[in-house]
Amino acid sequence: MPYPEFFDYLQLEKNYSVHTVKAYKNDLESFHHFVQQEYNTLDLVHVNYSQIRSWIVQLVEEGISNRSINRKISSLKAFYKFLQKTSQIKFSPLTRHKALKTAKKIQVPFSEKEVFELLERMSGDDFSALRDRLMVELFYSTGIRRIELIEIKLKDIDLSGKMLKVLGKRNKERYLPLLPTVVRSLEAYLEKRKTFGGKAEKSYLFLSDKGNKLYESFVYRRINNYFSMVSGKLKKSPHILRHSFATHLLNQGANLNAVKELLGHASLAATQVYTHNSISELSRVHQMAHPRNKKD
């Protein structure tokens, strides 16, 4: 794939994670392949909007969702903005592009009852049982992302101070408090983790049963399988646990700004997505408690 300077710019100047840069690279490679096949050119610098529009039409015909298409076009926008910044083009071909309309996704969080019931069931004391319980507890008690959990290193944990350091999007660090129950789970897991000795990936907290660093699909499958035991919800993923963390805090009266900092969001707009369910809860409490309604 050409234009390595663009990817260097994303990683070194914009501080995007390796995971994010890879997503941009995949999107550009997809478009690069399209213009090669359809227009017999390898030059992305001088394409016009009608060519990009043709790619969008093809993606729609392939059944790609509007949300995914918008993300791909976002990658192209960043690329052409970089070309403008480096004086390789004067105008972006996407200047007047309007994003495709997408339906708002309402993510249904797990209930407190579902989370507590699962944690009660996770009572094993072997390595994999302790690891899996700790994963659930960390997702639910800190709201971290899946990739953030995978990348936790032993040096990031401060048991005495009950704190955890995570590396979020754009390599932004944040410190998260650990509940006493999570500290106890960490201590139990770390004790079992010692049995791997020299075979293990020494720096990372979470390991597979063979002592290797975890990967994203492994974590997803574990969370999905466990919550299938206690929940009939359609989507059961690490992100839904993150969503549950935020929703339950807001339902209990937590400050929106505080939740924003815990989640590692850059703006309140991203955090406000999680207020849907808390507003419903506030409405229910209001209806039950307001004296005018009680009188009626």
Protein backbone atom coordinates (compact mmCIF):
# COMPACT_ATOMS: atom_id res chain seq x y z
CA MET A 1 0.00 0.00 0.00
CA PRO A 2 1.45 3.42 -1.01
CA TYR A 3 1.40 6.64 1.06
CA PRO A 4 3.28 5.31 4.12
CA GLU A 5 3.85 8.94 5.17
CA PHE A 6 0.10 9.25 5.80
CA PHE A 7 0.13 6.31 8.21
CA ASP A 8 3.25 7.66 9.91
CA TYR A 9 1.38 10.95 10.34
CA LEU A 10 -1.59 9.17 11.98
CA GLN A 11 0.61 7.22 14.36
CA LEU A 12 3.32 9.73 15.19
CA GLU A 13 1.59 13.11 14.97
CA LYS A 14 -2.06 12.26 15.65
CA ASN A 15 -1.08 9.61 18.24
CA TYR A 16 -3.61 7.10 16.88
CA SER A 17 -3.30 3.57 18.19
CA VAL A 18 -1.93 0.75 16.05
CA HIS A 19 -5.47 -0.69 15.95
CA THR A 20 -6.93 2.58 14.60
CA VAL A 21 -4.17 3.05 12.01
CA LYS A 22 -4.82 -0.50 10.80
CA ALA A 23 -8.51 0.35 10.28
CA TYR A 24 -7.55 3.43 8.22
CA LYS A 25 -5.12 1.32 6.19
CA ASN A 26 -7.79 -1.31 5.44
CA ASP A 27 -10.23 1.38 4.25
CA LEU A 28 -7.66 2.98 1.96
CA GLU A 29 -6.59 -0.40 0.59
CA SER A 30 -10.23 -1.17 -0.20
CA PHE A 31 -10.64 2.09 -2.12
CA HIS A 32 -7.24 1.66 -3.78
CA HIS A 33 -8.34 -1.75 -5.06
CA PHE A 34 -11.62 -0.30 -6.34
CA VAL A 35 -10.05 2.51 -8.43
CA GLN A 36 -7.52 0.04 -9.80
CA GLN A 37 -10.26 -2.34 -10.93
CA GLU A 38 -12.79 0.23 -12.14
CA TYR A 39 -10.59 3.06 -13.46
CA ASN A 40 -7.29 1.29 -14.16
CA THR A 41 -5.30 3.68 -11.98
CA LEU A 42 -3.24 3.37 -8.82
CA ASP A 43 -3.29 7.11 -8.18
CA LEU A 44 -5.49 8.11 -5.24
CA VAL A 45 -4.24 11.70 -5.19
CA HIS A 46 -6.12 12.87 -8.25
CA VAL A 47 -9.42 10.98 -7.99
CA ASN A 48 -12.65 12.97 -8.23
CA TYR A 49 -15.85 12.80 -6.23
CA SER A 50 -17.76 10.88 -8.90
CA GLN A 51 -15.25 8.03 -8.55
CA ILE A 52 -15.65 8.04 -4.78
CA ARG A 53 -19.42 8.14 -5.27
CA SER A 54 -19.19 5.04 -7.48
CA TRP A 55 -17.32 3.26 -4.68
CA ILE A 56 -20.06 4.23 -2.21
CA VAL A 57 -22.71 2.84 -4.58
CA GLN A 58 -20.78 -0.43 -4.86
CA LEU A 59 -20.50 -0.69 -1.07
CA VAL A 60 -24.26 -0.13 -0.71
CA GLU A 61 -24.95 -2.82 -3.34
CA GLU A 62 -22.70 -5.21 -1.40
CA GLY A 63 -24.92 -4.73 1.65
CA ILE A 64 -22.40 -2.73 3.69
CA SER A 65 -24.23 -0.71 6.36
CA ASN A 66 -24.41 3.09 6.11
CA ARG A 67 -22.56 3.32 9.41
CA SER A 68 -19.64 1.27 8.05
CA ILE A 69 -19.61 3.23 4.78
CA ASN A 70 -19.46 6.50 6.72
CA ARG A 71 -16.48 5.18 8.64
CA LYS A 72 -14.69 4.27 5.41
CA ILE A 73 -15.37 7.72 3.96
CA SER A 74 -14.07 9.23 7.19
CA SER A 75 -10.76 7.47 6.51
CA LEU A 76 -10.70 8.93 3.00
CA LYS A 77 -11.47 12.39 4.37
CA ALA A 78 -8.52 12.14 6.74
CA PHE A 79 -6.30 11.04 3.85
CA TYR A 80 -7.28 13.97 1.60
CA LYS A 81 -7.00 16.39 4.50
CA PHE A 82 -3.43 15.13 4.95
CA LEU A 83 -2.74 15.70 1.22
CA GLN A 84 -4.01 19.27 1.61
CA LYS A 85 -1.89 19.79 4.69
CA THR A 86 1.21 18.61 2.82
CA SER A 87 0.35 20.75 -0.26
CA GLN A 88 -0.14 17.75 -2.53
CA ILE A 89 -3.65 18.89 -3.47
CA LYS A 90 -5.53 22.19 -3.17
CA PHE A 91 -9.03 20.86 -2.61
CA SER A 92 -10.38 17.62 -1.19
CA PRO A 93 -12.75 15.69 -3.49
CA LEU A 94 -14.91 15.12 -0.41
CA THR A 95 -15.43 18.78 0.49
CA ARG A 96 -19.17 18.70 -0.22
CA HIS A 97 -19.83 15.09 0.70
CA LYS A 98 -22.68 14.48 3.14
CA ALA A 99 -22.62 11.40 5.35
CA LEU A 100 -25.23 8.72 4.70
CA LYS A 101 -28.13 8.68 7.14
CA THR A 102 -27.90 6.07 9.87
CA ALA A 103 -30.47 4.83 12.35
CA LYS A 104 -29.57 5.59 15.93
CA LYS A 105 -28.50 2.45 17.75
CA ILE A 106 -30.00 2.01 21.19
CA GLN A 107 -27.70 -0.36 23.04
CA VAL A 108 -29.54 -2.23 25.76
CA PRO A 109 -27.30 -2.63 28.83
CA PHE A 110 -27.28 -5.63 31.11
CA SER A 111 -29.34 -5.13 34.23
CA GLU A 112 -27.64 -5.00 37.62
CA LYS A 113 -29.41 -8.28 38.43
CA GLU A 114 -27.90 -10.00 35.37
CA VAL A 115 -24.37 -8.84 36.21
CA PHE A 116 -24.64 -9.80 39.88
CA GLU A 117 -26.16 -13.19 39.04
CA LEU A 118 -23.32 -13.98 36.65
CA LEU A 119 -20.65 -12.98 39.17
CA GLU A 120 -22.28 -15.25 41.77
CA ARG A 121 -22.08 -18.14 39.29
CA MET A 122 -18.40 -17.51 38.49
CA SER A 123 -17.07 -19.24 41.58
CA GLY A 124 -14.25 -21.45 40.23
CA ASP A 125 -10.73 -21.09 41.61
CA ASP A 126 -8.59 -22.44 38.74
CA PHE A 127 -6.58 -20.10 36.48
CA SER A 128 -9.12 -19.66 33.66
CA ALA A 129 -12.06 -19.19 36.07
CA LEU A 130 -10.20 -16.51 38.07
CA ARG A 131 -9.07 -14.77 34.86
CA ASP A 132 -12.55 -14.73 33.34
CA ARG A 133 -14.17 -13.44 36.52
CA LEU A 134 -11.55 -10.69 36.74
CA MET A 135 -12.27 -9.68 33.13
CA VAL A 136 -15.99 -9.33 33.87
CA GLU A 137 -15.29 -7.40 37.09
CA LEU A 138 -12.87 -4.99 35.39
CA PHE A 139 -15.21 -4.31 32.46
CA TYR A 140 -18.13 -3.68 34.79
CA SER A 141 -16.31 -1.74 37.53
CA THR A 142 -14.12 0.48 35.34
CA GLY A 143 -15.88 0.71 31.96
CA ILE A 144 -12.66 0.01 30.02
CA ARG A 145 -12.67 -0.92 26.35
CA ARG A 146 -11.82 -4.43 25.15
CA ILE A 147 -8.48 -3.40 23.62
CA GLU A 148 -7.63 -1.47 26.80
CA LEU A 149 -8.18 -4.60 28.89
CA ILE A 150 -6.00 -6.71 26.58
CA GLU A 151 -3.17 -4.16 26.72
CA ILE A 152 -3.03 -3.86 30.54
CA LYS A 153 0.49 -4.62 31.76
CA LEU A 154 1.53 -5.75 35.21
CA LYS A 155 3.29 -2.43 35.78
CA ASP A 156 -0.04 -0.62 35.23
CA ILE A 157 -1.54 -2.05 38.44
CA ASP A 158 -1.15 -0.37 41.82
CA LEU A 159 -2.72 -2.76 44.32
CA SER A 160 -1.79 -0.73 47.40
CA GLY A 161 -3.20 2.46 45.89
CA LYS A 162 -6.16 0.57 44.37
CA MET A 163 -5.53 2.19 40.97
CA LEU A 164 -5.20 1.00 37.38
CA LYS A 165 -3.53 2.84 34.49
CA VAL A 166 -4.97 2.25 31.02
CA LEU A 167 -3.87 3.45 27.61
CA GLY A 168 -6.89 4.72 25.71
CA LYS A 169 -7.55 6.11 22.26
CA ARG A 170 -4.83 8.33 20.78
CA ASN A 171 -2.47 6.90 23.40
CA LYS A 172 -4.11 8.94 26.13
CA GLU A 173 -3.45 7.57 29.61
CA ARG A 174 -6.02 7.63 32.39
CA TYR A 175 -6.08 6.31 35.95
CA LEU A 176 -9.06 4.36 37.23
CA PRO A 177 -9.97 3.48 40.84
CA LEU A 178 -10.33 -0.19 41.71
CA LEU A 179 -13.05 -1.47 44.03
CA PRO A 180 -11.86 -3.58 47.00
CA THR A 181 -13.62 -6.64 45.51
CA VAL A 182 -11.67 -6.18 42.27
CA VAL A 183 -8.39 -5.84 44.18
CA ARG A 184 -9.11 -9.16 45.90
CA SER A 185 -9.88 -10.79 42.53
CA LEU A 186 -6.66 -9.35 41.12
CA GLU A 187 -4.61 -10.73 43.99
CA ALA A 188 -6.14 -14.21 43.60
CA TYR A 189 -5.56 -14.17 39.82
CA LEU A 190 -1.97 -12.90 40.10
CA GLU A 191 -1.15 -15.72 42.50
CA LYS A 192 -2.35 -18.32 39.98
CA ARG A 193 -0.64 -16.46 37.13
CA LYS A 194 2.76 -17.17 38.75
CA THR A 195 2.43 -20.84 37.80
CA PHE A 196 3.24 -20.00 34.15
CA GLY A 197 6.81 -19.04 34.99
CA GLY A 198 9.02 -18.35 31.99
CA LYS A 199 6.49 -19.61 29.43
CA ALA A 200 4.19 -16.60 29.84
CA GLU A 201 4.03 -13.24 28.12
CA LYS A 202 5.64 -11.65 31.14
CA SER A 203 4.53 -8.04 30.75
CA TYR A 204 0.77 -8.45 30.16
CA LEU A 205 -1.79 -8.96 32.91
CA PHE A 206 -4.19 -11.22 31.05
CA LEU A 207 -2.98 -14.48 29.56
CA SER A 208 -4.56 -17.36 27.68
CA ASP A 209 -4.54 -20.86 29.15
CA LYS A 210 -1.23 -21.40 27.30
CA GLY A 211 0.38 -18.27 28.74
CA ASN A 212 0.01 -16.09 25.65
CA LYS A 213 -1.33 -12.54 25.36
CA LEU A 214 -5.09 -12.43 24.81
CA TYR A 215 -6.67 -11.31 21.53
CA GLU A 216 -9.94 -9.49 20.83
CA SER A 217 -12.09 -12.39 19.57
CA PHE A 218 -11.09 -14.49 22.60
CA VAL A 219 -12.32 -11.80 25.00
CA TYR A 220 -15.52 -11.27 23.00
CA ARG A 221 -16.36 -14.99 22.98
CA ARG A 222 -15.74 -15.33 26.72
CA ILE A 223 -18.03 -12.42 27.61
CA ASN A 224 -20.69 -13.52 25.13
CA ASN A 225 -20.69 -17.11 26.39
CA TYR A 226 -20.89 -16.15 30.05
CA PHE A 227 -23.68 -13.62 29.65
CA SER A 228 -25.67 -16.09 27.53
CA MET A 229 -26.12 -17.95 30.83
CA VAL A 230 -27.99 -15.08 32.49
CA SER A 231 -29.29 -12.77 29.73
CA GLY A 232 -31.59 -13.12 26.74
CA LYS A 233 -30.42 -9.83 25.23
CA LEU A 234 -29.49 -9.96 21.57
CA LYS A 235 -26.06 -8.38 21.99
CA LYS A 236 -23.75 -9.62 24.72
CA SER A 237 -20.30 -8.12 24.33
CA PRO A 238 -17.55 -6.28 26.22
CA HIS A 239 -18.96 -3.02 24.86
CA ILE A 240 -22.36 -3.77 26.39
CA LEU A 241 -20.60 -4.24 29.74
CA ARG A 242 -18.96 -0.82 29.24
CA HIS A 243 -22.40 0.55 28.41
CA SER A 244 -23.83 -1.08 31.55
CA PHE A 245 -21.09 0.47 33.69
CA ALA A 246 -21.94 3.98 32.45
CA THR A 247 -25.71 3.52 32.58
CA HIS A 248 -25.73 2.08 36.11
CA LEU A 249 -23.49 4.89 37.41
CA LEU A 250 -25.74 7.52 35.86
CA ASN A 251 -28.84 5.78 37.25
CA GLN A 252 -27.28 6.04 40.71
CA GLY A 253 -26.78 9.79 40.30
CA ALA A 254 -23.15 9.93 39.13
CA ASN A 255 -21.99 13.20 37.56
CA LEU A 256 -21.90 13.06 33.75
CA ASN A 257 -18.47 14.73 33.63
CA ALA A 258 -17.07 12.15 36.06
CA VAL A 259 -18.42 9.29 33.92
CA LYS A 260 -16.89 10.96 30.85
CA GLU A 261 -13.45 10.95 32.49
CA LEU A 262 -13.78 7.33 33.61
CA LEU A 263 -14.74 6.23 30.11
CA GLY A 264 -11.92 8.20 28.51
CA HIS A 265 -14.18 10.17 26.19
CA ALA A 266 -12.81 13.31 24.55
CA SER A 267 -16.16 15.15 24.77
CA LEU A 268 -19.45 15.00 26.64
CA ALA A 269 -21.30 14.31 23.39
CA ALA A 270 -19.88 10.77 23.32
CA THR A 271 -20.87 10.15 26.94
CA GLN A 272 -24.41 11.46 26.47
CA VAL A 273 -25.20 8.38 24.37
CA TYR A 274 -25.35 6.52 27.68
CA THR A 275 -27.90 8.85 29.22
CA HIS A 276 -30.87 7.35 27.33
CA ASN A 277 -31.53 4.65 29.89
CA SER A 278 -30.75 6.85 32.88
CA ILE A 279 -33.30 9.39 31.63
CA SER A 280 -35.88 6.59 31.43
CA GLU A 281 -35.03 5.64 35.01
CA LEU A 282 -35.29 9.25 36.16
CA SER A 283 -38.68 9.51 34.47
CA ARG A 284 -39.89 6.38 36.27
CA VAL A 285 -38.68 7.66 39.65
CA HIS A 286 -40.22 11.06 38.96
CA GLN A 287 -43.61 9.50 38.14
CA MET A 288 -43.52 7.35 41.30
CA ALA A 289 -42.28 10.02 43.70
CA HIS A 290 -43.76 13.35 42.61
CA PRO A 291 -46.49 14.45 45.07
CA ARG A 292 -48.84 15.61 42.28
CA ASN A 293 -48.74 12.21 40.63
CA LYS A 294 -49.13 10.40 43.97
CA LYS A 295 -52.18 12.53 44.73
CA ASP A 296 -53.81 11.59 41.41
